[in-house]
N, C-alpha and C. Protein backbone atom coordinates (compact mmCIF):
# COMPACT_ATOMS: atom_id res chain seq x y z
N MET A 1 -49.85 1.88 -53.54
CA MET A 1 -48.48 2.35 -53.51
C MET A 1 -47.87 2.03 -52.15
N ASN A 2 -46.62 1.67 -52.14
CA ASN A 2 -45.90 1.35 -50.92
C ASN A 2 -45.74 2.61 -50.07
N PRO A 3 -46.25 2.64 -48.79
CA PRO A 3 -46.14 3.83 -47.95
C PRO A 3 -44.69 4.25 -47.73
N ARG A 4 -43.79 3.29 -47.68
CA ARG A 4 -42.38 3.62 -47.49
C ARG A 4 -41.84 4.43 -48.66
N VAL A 5 -42.21 4.03 -49.85
CA VAL A 5 -41.75 4.73 -51.04
C VAL A 5 -42.33 6.12 -51.07
N SER A 6 -43.64 6.26 -50.81
CA SER A 6 -44.24 7.59 -50.87
C SER A 6 -43.69 8.47 -49.76
N SER A 7 -43.38 7.90 -48.60
CA SER A 7 -42.79 8.67 -47.51
C SER A 7 -41.41 9.18 -47.90
N LYS A 8 -40.60 8.31 -48.52
CA LYS A 8 -39.27 8.75 -48.96
C LYS A 8 -39.38 9.80 -50.05
N ALA A 9 -40.29 9.61 -50.97
CA ALA A 9 -40.48 10.59 -52.04
C ALA A 9 -40.92 11.92 -51.46
N GLY A 10 -41.83 11.87 -50.49
CA GLY A 10 -42.28 13.10 -49.83
C GLY A 10 -41.14 13.79 -49.11
N SER A 11 -40.29 13.01 -48.44
CA SER A 11 -39.14 13.59 -47.74
C SER A 11 -38.17 14.24 -48.71
N LEU A 12 -37.95 13.58 -49.86
CA LEU A 12 -37.06 14.17 -50.87
C LEU A 12 -37.64 15.47 -51.43
N MET A 13 -38.95 15.48 -51.72
CA MET A 13 -39.57 16.69 -52.23
C MET A 13 -39.48 17.79 -51.18
N PHE A 14 -39.69 17.45 -49.91
CA PHE A 14 -39.58 18.41 -48.82
C PHE A 14 -38.17 18.99 -48.76
N ALA A 15 -37.16 18.12 -48.80
CA ALA A 15 -35.77 18.58 -48.73
C ALA A 15 -35.41 19.47 -49.91
N PHE A 16 -35.82 19.08 -51.13
CA PHE A 16 -35.52 19.91 -52.30
C PHE A 16 -36.22 21.25 -52.21
N GLY A 17 -37.45 21.25 -51.70
CA GLY A 17 -38.19 22.50 -51.53
C GLY A 17 -37.50 23.43 -50.57
N LEU A 18 -36.98 22.88 -49.47
CA LEU A 18 -36.29 23.72 -48.49
C LEU A 18 -34.96 24.22 -49.04
N ILE A 19 -34.26 23.39 -49.78
CA ILE A 19 -32.99 23.82 -50.37
C ILE A 19 -33.26 24.98 -51.32
N ALA A 20 -34.33 24.90 -52.07
CA ALA A 20 -34.66 25.96 -53.02
C ALA A 20 -35.03 27.25 -52.29
N MET A 21 -35.52 27.14 -51.05
CA MET A 21 -35.93 28.32 -50.30
C MET A 21 -34.75 29.19 -49.89
N VAL A 22 -33.59 28.60 -49.71
CA VAL A 22 -32.42 29.35 -49.30
C VAL A 22 -31.47 29.39 -50.47
N GLY A 23 -31.57 30.44 -51.26
CA GLY A 23 -30.73 30.56 -52.44
C GLY A 23 -29.49 31.36 -52.11
N GLY A 24 -28.36 30.73 -52.09
CA GLY A 24 -27.12 31.44 -51.76
C GLY A 24 -27.18 31.95 -50.34
N LYS A 25 -27.06 33.29 -50.21
CA LYS A 25 -27.03 33.89 -48.87
C LYS A 25 -28.31 34.64 -48.56
N HIS A 26 -29.33 34.54 -49.40
CA HIS A 26 -30.54 35.32 -49.20
C HIS A 26 -31.74 34.42 -49.02
N ALA A 27 -32.50 34.67 -47.98
CA ALA A 27 -33.69 33.88 -47.73
C ALA A 27 -34.85 34.47 -48.52
N ILE A 28 -35.71 33.63 -49.03
CA ILE A 28 -36.91 34.07 -49.72
C ILE A 28 -37.93 34.54 -48.69
N VAL A 29 -37.97 33.88 -47.56
CA VAL A 29 -38.92 34.22 -46.51
C VAL A 29 -38.29 35.30 -45.63
N PRO A 30 -38.90 36.48 -45.58
CA PRO A 30 -38.35 37.53 -44.71
C PRO A 30 -38.61 37.20 -43.25
N PRO A 31 -37.74 37.65 -42.37
CA PRO A 31 -37.98 37.42 -40.94
C PRO A 31 -39.20 38.23 -40.48
N PRO A 32 -39.85 37.80 -39.41
CA PRO A 32 -41.04 38.52 -38.93
C PRO A 32 -40.65 39.82 -38.24
N LYS A 33 -41.62 40.70 -38.13
CA LYS A 33 -41.42 41.92 -37.34
C LYS A 33 -41.65 41.54 -35.89
N VAL A 34 -40.59 41.68 -35.09
CA VAL A 34 -40.64 41.29 -33.68
C VAL A 34 -39.95 42.36 -32.83
N PRO A 35 -40.22 42.38 -31.52
CA PRO A 35 -39.45 43.26 -30.64
C PRO A 35 -37.95 42.93 -30.76
N ASP A 36 -37.11 43.92 -30.56
CA ASP A 36 -35.66 43.73 -30.69
C ASP A 36 -35.13 42.54 -29.91
N VAL A 37 -35.68 42.30 -28.74
CA VAL A 37 -35.22 41.21 -27.87
C VAL A 37 -35.42 39.84 -28.52
N LEU A 38 -36.34 39.75 -29.50
CA LEU A 38 -36.63 38.46 -30.14
C LEU A 38 -35.99 38.30 -31.51
N LYS A 39 -35.19 39.27 -31.93
CA LYS A 39 -34.57 39.17 -33.25
C LYS A 39 -33.47 38.11 -33.25
N ALA A 40 -33.39 37.37 -34.35
CA ALA A 40 -32.33 36.37 -34.52
C ALA A 40 -31.01 37.10 -34.74
N PRO A 41 -29.90 36.49 -34.36
CA PRO A 41 -28.58 37.12 -34.54
C PRO A 41 -28.28 37.43 -36.00
N GLU A 42 -27.44 38.43 -36.20
CA GLU A 42 -26.99 38.81 -37.55
C GLU A 42 -26.33 37.61 -38.22
N GLY A 43 -26.45 37.56 -39.54
CA GLY A 43 -25.80 36.50 -40.30
C GLY A 43 -26.65 35.26 -40.50
N LEU A 44 -27.85 35.24 -39.90
CA LEU A 44 -28.74 34.10 -40.06
C LEU A 44 -29.83 34.44 -41.06
N VAL A 45 -30.33 33.42 -41.75
CA VAL A 45 -31.44 33.59 -42.70
C VAL A 45 -32.54 32.60 -42.36
N VAL A 46 -33.75 32.94 -42.75
CA VAL A 46 -34.89 32.07 -42.51
C VAL A 46 -34.83 30.89 -43.48
N LEU A 47 -34.74 29.71 -42.94
CA LEU A 47 -34.80 28.49 -43.74
C LEU A 47 -36.25 28.16 -44.09
N LEU A 48 -37.12 28.31 -43.09
CA LEU A 48 -38.50 27.89 -43.24
C LEU A 48 -39.39 28.64 -42.28
N LYS A 49 -40.57 29.01 -42.77
CA LYS A 49 -41.64 29.50 -41.91
C LYS A 49 -42.70 28.41 -41.92
N ALA A 50 -43.08 27.94 -40.75
CA ALA A 50 -44.11 26.91 -40.65
C ALA A 50 -45.12 27.34 -39.60
N GLN A 51 -46.37 27.04 -39.86
CA GLN A 51 -47.41 27.34 -38.89
C GLN A 51 -47.65 26.08 -38.06
N GLY A 52 -47.58 26.24 -36.75
CA GLY A 52 -47.87 25.14 -35.84
C GLY A 52 -49.34 25.14 -35.49
N HIS A 53 -49.99 24.00 -35.68
CA HIS A 53 -51.40 23.82 -35.32
C HIS A 53 -51.45 22.65 -34.35
N GLY A 54 -51.89 22.91 -33.12
CA GLY A 54 -51.95 21.81 -32.17
C GLY A 54 -52.43 22.25 -30.81
N VAL A 55 -51.79 21.70 -29.79
CA VAL A 55 -52.19 21.96 -28.40
C VAL A 55 -50.96 22.23 -27.53
N GLN A 56 -51.21 22.98 -26.47
CA GLN A 56 -50.27 23.11 -25.37
C GLN A 56 -50.85 22.25 -24.25
N ILE A 57 -50.04 21.38 -23.67
CA ILE A 57 -50.53 20.44 -22.67
C ILE A 57 -50.08 20.90 -21.28
N TYR A 58 -51.03 20.92 -20.35
CA TYR A 58 -50.76 21.33 -18.96
C TYR A 58 -51.20 20.22 -18.01
N THR A 59 -50.48 20.10 -16.88
CA THR A 59 -50.80 19.11 -15.85
C THR A 59 -51.13 19.85 -14.56
N CYS A 60 -52.14 19.39 -13.85
CA CYS A 60 -52.52 19.99 -12.57
C CYS A 60 -51.56 19.47 -11.49
N LYS A 61 -50.82 20.40 -10.89
CA LYS A 61 -49.81 20.02 -9.89
C LYS A 61 -49.92 20.85 -8.63
N ALA A 62 -49.49 20.25 -7.52
CA ALA A 62 -49.42 20.98 -6.25
C ALA A 62 -48.21 21.90 -6.28
N SER A 63 -48.34 23.02 -5.61
CA SER A 63 -47.24 23.98 -5.51
C SER A 63 -46.11 23.39 -4.67
N ALA A 64 -44.88 23.65 -5.04
CA ALA A 64 -43.73 23.15 -4.27
C ALA A 64 -43.70 23.78 -2.88
N ASN A 65 -44.18 25.01 -2.76
CA ASN A 65 -44.16 25.72 -1.47
C ASN A 65 -45.39 25.44 -0.60
N ASP A 66 -46.49 25.04 -1.23
CA ASP A 66 -47.73 24.80 -0.50
C ASP A 66 -48.46 23.61 -1.13
N PRO A 67 -48.35 22.43 -0.54
CA PRO A 67 -48.96 21.23 -1.13
C PRO A 67 -50.49 21.29 -1.22
N ASN A 68 -51.10 22.30 -0.59
CA ASN A 68 -52.56 22.47 -0.68
C ASN A 68 -52.98 23.47 -1.75
N SER A 69 -52.00 24.02 -2.44
CA SER A 69 -52.25 24.98 -3.51
C SER A 69 -51.91 24.33 -4.85
N PHE A 70 -52.82 24.41 -5.81
CA PHE A 70 -52.64 23.74 -7.09
C PHE A 70 -52.68 24.74 -8.24
N ALA A 71 -51.94 24.41 -9.30
CA ALA A 71 -51.94 25.24 -10.51
C ALA A 71 -51.60 24.38 -11.72
N TRP A 72 -52.01 24.86 -12.90
CA TRP A 72 -51.67 24.17 -14.14
C TRP A 72 -50.21 24.43 -14.46
N SER A 73 -49.48 23.36 -14.73
CA SER A 73 -48.05 23.42 -15.05
C SER A 73 -47.84 22.96 -16.50
N PHE A 74 -47.06 23.74 -17.26
CA PHE A 74 -46.82 23.39 -18.65
C PHE A 74 -46.09 22.06 -18.74
N LYS A 75 -46.55 21.18 -19.62
CA LYS A 75 -45.92 19.88 -19.83
C LYS A 75 -45.21 19.83 -21.19
N ALA A 76 -45.95 20.11 -22.28
CA ALA A 76 -45.35 19.97 -23.61
C ALA A 76 -46.30 20.51 -24.68
N PRO A 77 -45.75 20.85 -25.84
CA PRO A 77 -46.60 21.15 -26.99
C PRO A 77 -46.77 19.89 -27.84
N GLU A 78 -47.81 19.87 -28.64
CA GLU A 78 -47.99 18.85 -29.69
C GLU A 78 -48.60 19.58 -30.87
N ALA A 79 -47.86 19.66 -31.97
CA ALA A 79 -48.38 20.39 -33.12
C ALA A 79 -47.84 19.84 -34.42
N ASP A 80 -48.64 19.97 -35.45
CA ASP A 80 -48.19 19.71 -36.81
C ASP A 80 -47.60 21.00 -37.35
N LEU A 81 -46.58 20.90 -38.18
CA LEU A 81 -45.96 22.06 -38.81
C LEU A 81 -46.37 22.08 -40.28
N ILE A 82 -47.01 23.17 -40.67
CA ILE A 82 -47.57 23.31 -42.01
C ILE A 82 -46.87 24.47 -42.72
N ASP A 83 -46.35 24.23 -43.93
CA ASP A 83 -45.68 25.32 -44.65
C ASP A 83 -46.71 26.21 -45.34
N GLU A 84 -46.22 27.24 -46.03
CA GLU A 84 -47.11 28.23 -46.64
C GLU A 84 -47.92 27.67 -47.80
N ARG A 85 -47.56 26.49 -48.30
CA ARG A 85 -48.34 25.84 -49.36
C ARG A 85 -49.38 24.88 -48.80
N GLY A 86 -49.42 24.75 -47.47
CA GLY A 86 -50.38 23.87 -46.83
C GLY A 86 -49.89 22.44 -46.66
N THR A 87 -48.59 22.23 -46.90
CA THR A 87 -48.00 20.89 -46.79
C THR A 87 -47.49 20.65 -45.37
N ASN A 88 -47.78 19.47 -44.83
CA ASN A 88 -47.25 19.11 -43.52
C ASN A 88 -45.75 18.82 -43.68
N VAL A 89 -44.90 19.61 -43.01
CA VAL A 89 -43.45 19.47 -43.15
C VAL A 89 -42.79 18.91 -41.90
N GLY A 90 -43.58 18.63 -40.87
CA GLY A 90 -42.98 18.08 -39.66
C GLY A 90 -43.92 18.19 -38.48
N ARG A 91 -43.30 18.06 -37.30
CA ARG A 91 -44.08 18.15 -36.06
C ARG A 91 -43.25 18.80 -34.98
N HIS A 92 -43.95 19.28 -33.96
CA HIS A 92 -43.35 19.97 -32.83
C HIS A 92 -43.84 19.29 -31.56
N TYR A 93 -42.91 18.99 -30.65
CA TYR A 93 -43.30 18.26 -29.44
C TYR A 93 -42.33 18.58 -28.30
N ALA A 94 -42.45 17.84 -27.19
CA ALA A 94 -41.67 18.11 -25.98
C ALA A 94 -40.19 18.23 -26.27
N GLY A 95 -39.55 19.08 -25.53
CA GLY A 95 -38.11 19.31 -25.66
C GLY A 95 -37.75 20.76 -25.41
N PRO A 96 -38.29 21.75 -26.07
CA PRO A 96 -39.14 21.68 -27.25
C PRO A 96 -38.35 21.25 -28.48
N THR A 97 -38.96 20.39 -29.27
CA THR A 97 -38.30 19.81 -30.44
C THR A 97 -39.14 20.03 -31.69
N TRP A 98 -38.45 20.30 -32.79
CA TRP A 98 -39.06 20.41 -34.11
C TRP A 98 -38.45 19.31 -34.96
N GLU A 99 -39.29 18.47 -35.55
CA GLU A 99 -38.80 17.35 -36.35
C GLU A 99 -39.33 17.47 -37.78
N ALA A 100 -38.42 17.42 -38.73
CA ALA A 100 -38.78 17.53 -40.15
C ALA A 100 -39.24 16.18 -40.69
N GLY A 101 -39.87 16.21 -41.84
CA GLY A 101 -40.32 14.99 -42.50
C GLY A 101 -39.19 14.05 -42.85
N ASP A 102 -37.95 14.56 -42.95
CA ASP A 102 -36.80 13.72 -43.29
C ASP A 102 -36.17 13.08 -42.05
N GLY A 103 -36.79 13.31 -40.86
CA GLY A 103 -36.29 12.70 -39.62
C GLY A 103 -35.30 13.56 -38.86
N SER A 104 -34.77 14.61 -39.48
CA SER A 104 -33.85 15.49 -38.74
C SER A 104 -34.65 16.28 -37.72
N ARG A 105 -33.97 16.69 -36.65
CA ARG A 105 -34.67 17.44 -35.61
C ARG A 105 -33.73 18.39 -34.90
N VAL A 106 -34.35 19.41 -34.30
CA VAL A 106 -33.61 20.38 -33.50
C VAL A 106 -34.39 20.59 -32.21
N THR A 107 -33.66 20.63 -31.10
CA THR A 107 -34.25 20.93 -29.80
C THR A 107 -33.74 22.29 -29.38
N GLY A 108 -34.66 23.14 -28.95
CA GLY A 108 -34.30 24.51 -28.62
C GLY A 108 -34.33 24.80 -27.13
N GLU A 109 -33.72 25.92 -26.80
CA GLU A 109 -33.70 26.42 -25.43
C GLU A 109 -34.09 27.89 -25.47
N VAL A 110 -35.09 28.26 -24.66
CA VAL A 110 -35.59 29.63 -24.68
C VAL A 110 -34.48 30.60 -24.27
N GLN A 111 -34.30 31.62 -25.13
CA GLN A 111 -33.33 32.68 -24.85
C GLN A 111 -34.04 33.96 -24.39
N GLN A 112 -35.18 34.25 -25.03
CA GLN A 112 -35.94 35.46 -24.72
C GLN A 112 -37.42 35.20 -24.89
N LYS A 113 -38.23 35.98 -24.15
CA LYS A 113 -39.69 35.90 -24.20
C LYS A 113 -40.26 37.30 -24.34
N ALA A 114 -41.42 37.40 -24.98
CA ALA A 114 -42.17 38.65 -25.02
C ALA A 114 -43.65 38.31 -24.96
N GLU A 115 -44.40 39.14 -24.26
CA GLU A 115 -45.84 38.92 -24.18
C GLU A 115 -46.45 38.95 -25.58
N ALA A 116 -47.39 38.09 -25.82
CA ALA A 116 -48.10 38.07 -27.09
C ALA A 116 -49.04 39.28 -27.16
N PRO A 117 -49.13 39.92 -28.31
CA PRO A 117 -50.05 41.04 -28.45
C PRO A 117 -51.52 40.64 -28.27
N LYS A 118 -51.87 39.40 -28.63
CA LYS A 118 -53.25 38.93 -28.50
C LYS A 118 -53.49 38.37 -27.10
N ALA A 119 -54.58 38.78 -26.50
CA ALA A 119 -54.96 38.27 -25.18
C ALA A 119 -55.22 36.77 -25.28
N GLY A 120 -54.81 36.03 -24.24
CA GLY A 120 -55.05 34.59 -24.20
C GLY A 120 -54.11 33.77 -25.06
N ALA A 121 -53.04 34.40 -25.56
CA ALA A 121 -52.08 33.69 -26.41
C ALA A 121 -50.78 33.46 -25.66
N VAL A 122 -50.15 32.31 -25.92
CA VAL A 122 -48.86 32.02 -25.30
C VAL A 122 -47.83 33.04 -25.77
N PRO A 123 -46.78 33.28 -24.97
CA PRO A 123 -45.78 34.30 -25.31
C PRO A 123 -45.04 33.99 -26.61
N TRP A 124 -44.48 35.03 -27.19
CA TRP A 124 -43.58 34.90 -28.33
C TRP A 124 -42.21 34.53 -27.76
N LEU A 125 -41.45 33.74 -28.51
CA LEU A 125 -40.16 33.25 -28.00
C LEU A 125 -39.05 33.37 -29.05
N LEU A 126 -37.82 33.48 -28.55
CA LEU A 126 -36.61 33.27 -29.34
C LEU A 126 -35.89 32.11 -28.68
N LEU A 127 -35.64 31.05 -29.45
CA LEU A 127 -34.97 29.87 -28.92
C LEU A 127 -33.68 29.63 -29.69
N LYS A 128 -32.68 29.15 -28.98
CA LYS A 128 -31.39 28.78 -29.58
C LYS A 128 -31.32 27.26 -29.61
N ALA A 129 -30.79 26.71 -30.70
CA ALA A 129 -30.63 25.26 -30.79
C ALA A 129 -29.64 24.79 -29.73
N LYS A 130 -30.06 23.81 -28.93
CA LYS A 130 -29.12 23.24 -27.95
C LYS A 130 -28.65 21.87 -28.39
N SER A 131 -29.42 21.25 -29.30
CA SER A 131 -28.97 19.98 -29.87
C SER A 131 -29.70 19.77 -31.19
N ASP A 132 -29.08 18.98 -32.04
CA ASP A 132 -29.72 18.61 -33.30
C ASP A 132 -29.38 17.17 -33.60
N GLU A 133 -30.17 16.60 -34.49
CA GLU A 133 -30.00 15.18 -34.80
C GLU A 133 -30.33 14.97 -36.26
N GLY A 134 -29.54 14.19 -36.93
CA GLY A 134 -29.80 13.87 -38.33
C GLY A 134 -29.11 14.82 -39.28
N ALA A 135 -28.85 14.33 -40.46
CA ALA A 135 -28.16 15.12 -41.47
C ALA A 135 -29.14 15.90 -42.33
N GLY A 136 -30.43 15.82 -42.03
CA GLY A 136 -31.44 16.48 -42.84
C GLY A 136 -31.58 17.97 -42.55
N THR A 137 -32.66 18.50 -43.01
CA THR A 137 -32.92 19.93 -43.02
C THR A 137 -32.87 20.59 -41.65
N PHE A 138 -33.58 20.05 -40.66
CA PHE A 138 -33.64 20.69 -39.35
C PHE A 138 -32.36 20.47 -38.55
N GLY A 139 -31.50 19.60 -39.00
CA GLY A 139 -30.24 19.32 -38.31
C GLY A 139 -29.27 20.49 -38.35
N ARG A 140 -29.55 21.50 -39.18
CA ARG A 140 -28.64 22.65 -39.24
C ARG A 140 -29.28 23.95 -38.74
N VAL A 141 -30.47 23.85 -38.15
CA VAL A 141 -31.15 25.02 -37.60
C VAL A 141 -30.41 25.52 -36.37
N LEU A 142 -30.21 26.84 -36.31
CA LEU A 142 -29.48 27.46 -35.20
C LEU A 142 -30.39 28.21 -34.24
N TYR A 143 -31.46 28.81 -34.74
CA TYR A 143 -32.41 29.57 -33.92
C TYR A 143 -33.82 29.33 -34.43
N ILE A 144 -34.79 29.50 -33.51
CA ILE A 144 -36.20 29.38 -33.83
C ILE A 144 -36.92 30.54 -33.16
N GLN A 145 -37.88 31.12 -33.88
CA GLN A 145 -38.76 32.12 -33.29
C GLN A 145 -40.18 31.55 -33.29
N ARG A 146 -40.90 31.78 -32.17
CA ARG A 146 -42.34 31.48 -32.11
C ARG A 146 -43.04 32.82 -32.01
N VAL A 147 -43.85 33.15 -33.02
CA VAL A 147 -44.52 34.45 -33.07
C VAL A 147 -45.96 34.27 -33.54
N ASP A 148 -46.69 35.39 -33.55
CA ASP A 148 -48.08 35.40 -34.04
C ASP A 148 -48.91 34.28 -33.41
N THR A 149 -48.78 34.16 -32.11
CA THR A 149 -49.46 33.09 -31.39
C THR A 149 -50.94 33.41 -31.15
N GLU A 150 -51.72 32.35 -31.10
CA GLU A 150 -53.14 32.44 -30.76
C GLU A 150 -53.47 31.28 -29.83
N GLY A 151 -54.10 31.58 -28.70
CA GLY A 151 -54.52 30.54 -27.75
C GLY A 151 -53.34 29.89 -27.05
N GLY A 152 -53.62 28.75 -26.40
CA GLY A 152 -52.57 27.96 -25.77
C GLY A 152 -52.30 28.26 -24.31
N VAL A 153 -52.96 29.27 -23.75
CA VAL A 153 -52.70 29.64 -22.35
C VAL A 153 -53.44 28.67 -21.43
N ALA A 154 -52.80 28.34 -20.31
CA ALA A 154 -53.40 27.42 -19.32
C ALA A 154 -54.71 28.00 -18.78
N PRO A 155 -55.65 27.12 -18.46
CA PRO A 155 -56.90 27.61 -17.85
C PRO A 155 -56.61 28.26 -16.49
N VAL A 156 -57.50 29.13 -16.06
CA VAL A 156 -57.32 29.77 -14.76
C VAL A 156 -58.08 29.02 -13.67
N THR A 157 -58.93 28.09 -14.06
CA THR A 157 -59.70 27.32 -13.08
C THR A 157 -59.58 25.82 -13.39
N GLY A 158 -60.14 25.01 -12.48
CA GLY A 158 -60.23 23.58 -12.73
C GLY A 158 -59.07 22.76 -12.21
N CYS A 159 -58.11 23.39 -11.56
CA CYS A 159 -56.97 22.64 -11.01
C CYS A 159 -57.04 22.72 -9.49
N ASN A 160 -57.30 21.58 -8.86
CA ASN A 160 -57.38 21.50 -7.41
C ASN A 160 -57.05 20.07 -6.99
N GLN A 161 -57.14 19.81 -5.70
CA GLN A 161 -56.79 18.49 -5.16
C GLN A 161 -57.53 17.37 -5.90
N ALA A 162 -58.80 17.58 -6.22
CA ALA A 162 -59.60 16.56 -6.89
C ALA A 162 -59.12 16.29 -8.32
N HIS A 163 -58.37 17.23 -8.89
CA HIS A 163 -57.90 17.09 -10.28
C HIS A 163 -56.39 16.93 -10.38
N ARG A 164 -55.74 16.65 -9.26
CA ARG A 164 -54.28 16.48 -9.23
C ARG A 164 -53.85 15.49 -10.32
N ASN A 165 -52.82 15.86 -11.05
CA ASN A 165 -52.21 15.08 -12.15
C ASN A 165 -53.08 14.96 -13.40
N ASN A 166 -54.25 15.59 -13.42
CA ASN A 166 -55.04 15.62 -14.65
C ASN A 166 -54.34 16.49 -15.68
N GLU A 167 -54.58 16.17 -16.94
CA GLU A 167 -54.02 16.98 -18.03
C GLU A 167 -55.13 17.69 -18.76
N VAL A 168 -54.78 18.86 -19.29
CA VAL A 168 -55.69 19.60 -20.15
C VAL A 168 -54.91 19.98 -21.40
N ARG A 169 -55.59 19.91 -22.54
CA ARG A 169 -54.98 20.22 -23.84
C ARG A 169 -55.67 21.47 -24.38
N VAL A 170 -54.88 22.53 -24.55
CA VAL A 170 -55.44 23.81 -24.98
C VAL A 170 -54.98 24.09 -26.41
N ASP A 171 -55.96 24.28 -27.30
CA ASP A 171 -55.66 24.56 -28.71
C ASP A 171 -54.81 25.82 -28.84
N TYR A 172 -53.86 25.77 -29.77
CA TYR A 172 -53.06 26.95 -30.08
C TYR A 172 -52.62 26.91 -31.52
N ARG A 173 -52.14 28.06 -31.98
CA ARG A 173 -51.56 28.22 -33.30
C ARG A 173 -50.40 29.20 -33.15
N ALA A 174 -49.34 28.97 -33.89
CA ALA A 174 -48.18 29.87 -33.85
C ALA A 174 -47.42 29.76 -35.16
N ASP A 175 -46.71 30.83 -35.50
CA ASP A 175 -45.79 30.79 -36.63
C ASP A 175 -44.39 30.53 -36.08
N TYR A 176 -43.70 29.58 -36.70
CA TYR A 176 -42.32 29.25 -36.33
C TYR A 176 -41.42 29.63 -37.49
N TYR A 177 -40.37 30.37 -37.19
CA TYR A 177 -39.35 30.72 -38.17
C TYR A 177 -38.07 30.00 -37.76
N LEU A 178 -37.55 29.17 -38.64
CA LEU A 178 -36.34 28.40 -38.36
C LEU A 178 -35.19 29.01 -39.14
N TYR A 179 -34.10 29.32 -38.44
CA TYR A 179 -32.96 30.04 -39.01
C TYR A 179 -31.74 29.15 -39.15
N VAL A 180 -30.99 29.39 -40.23
CA VAL A 180 -29.71 28.73 -40.48
C VAL A 180 -28.68 29.81 -40.80
N SER A 181 -27.43 29.42 -40.84
CA SER A 181 -26.35 30.34 -41.19
C SER A 181 -26.53 30.82 -42.63
N GLY A 182 -26.36 32.11 -42.84
CA GLY A 182 -26.46 32.67 -44.18
C GLY A 182 -25.11 32.77 -44.86
N ARG A 183 -24.10 32.29 -44.20
CA ARG A 183 -22.73 32.38 -44.73
C ARG A 183 -22.36 31.14 -45.49
């Protein structure tokens, strides 16, 4: 089978599945239970819940205030986005950006943070879309929540002069809720 054809067919099935998820003004996927500071604004509904499976990437860098002091600095995430049926629906990468199988994408900007309840997990976030691209599904996302995180925190050791500019990839998992207008 032609990979281009199967890719287009997969994108169409993905788009139809997402359209079916938002029926009228009511989302099938309920929003997560989060601290008030991380709640999405009124009038928005969950378009998609996807689980991110991947890594948080850190680079060993010298401190701006003390060139002899080193620490791991966040560089970017790299994750596959998997829906509740186990289907890969996109990817998450630097920006931070979420890209759907149909090529549409949204880049977010952190609005609020909350400590993760699990030790060793990256914080929970509320992000607002600062840009979008493409006429597809993710092109209309307005807010994103990162919750239920596991892992992903930078190591506390191993970053020093001898390891300057080295990268480390730390496994993580998170649930992402992507919101659109419910009006």
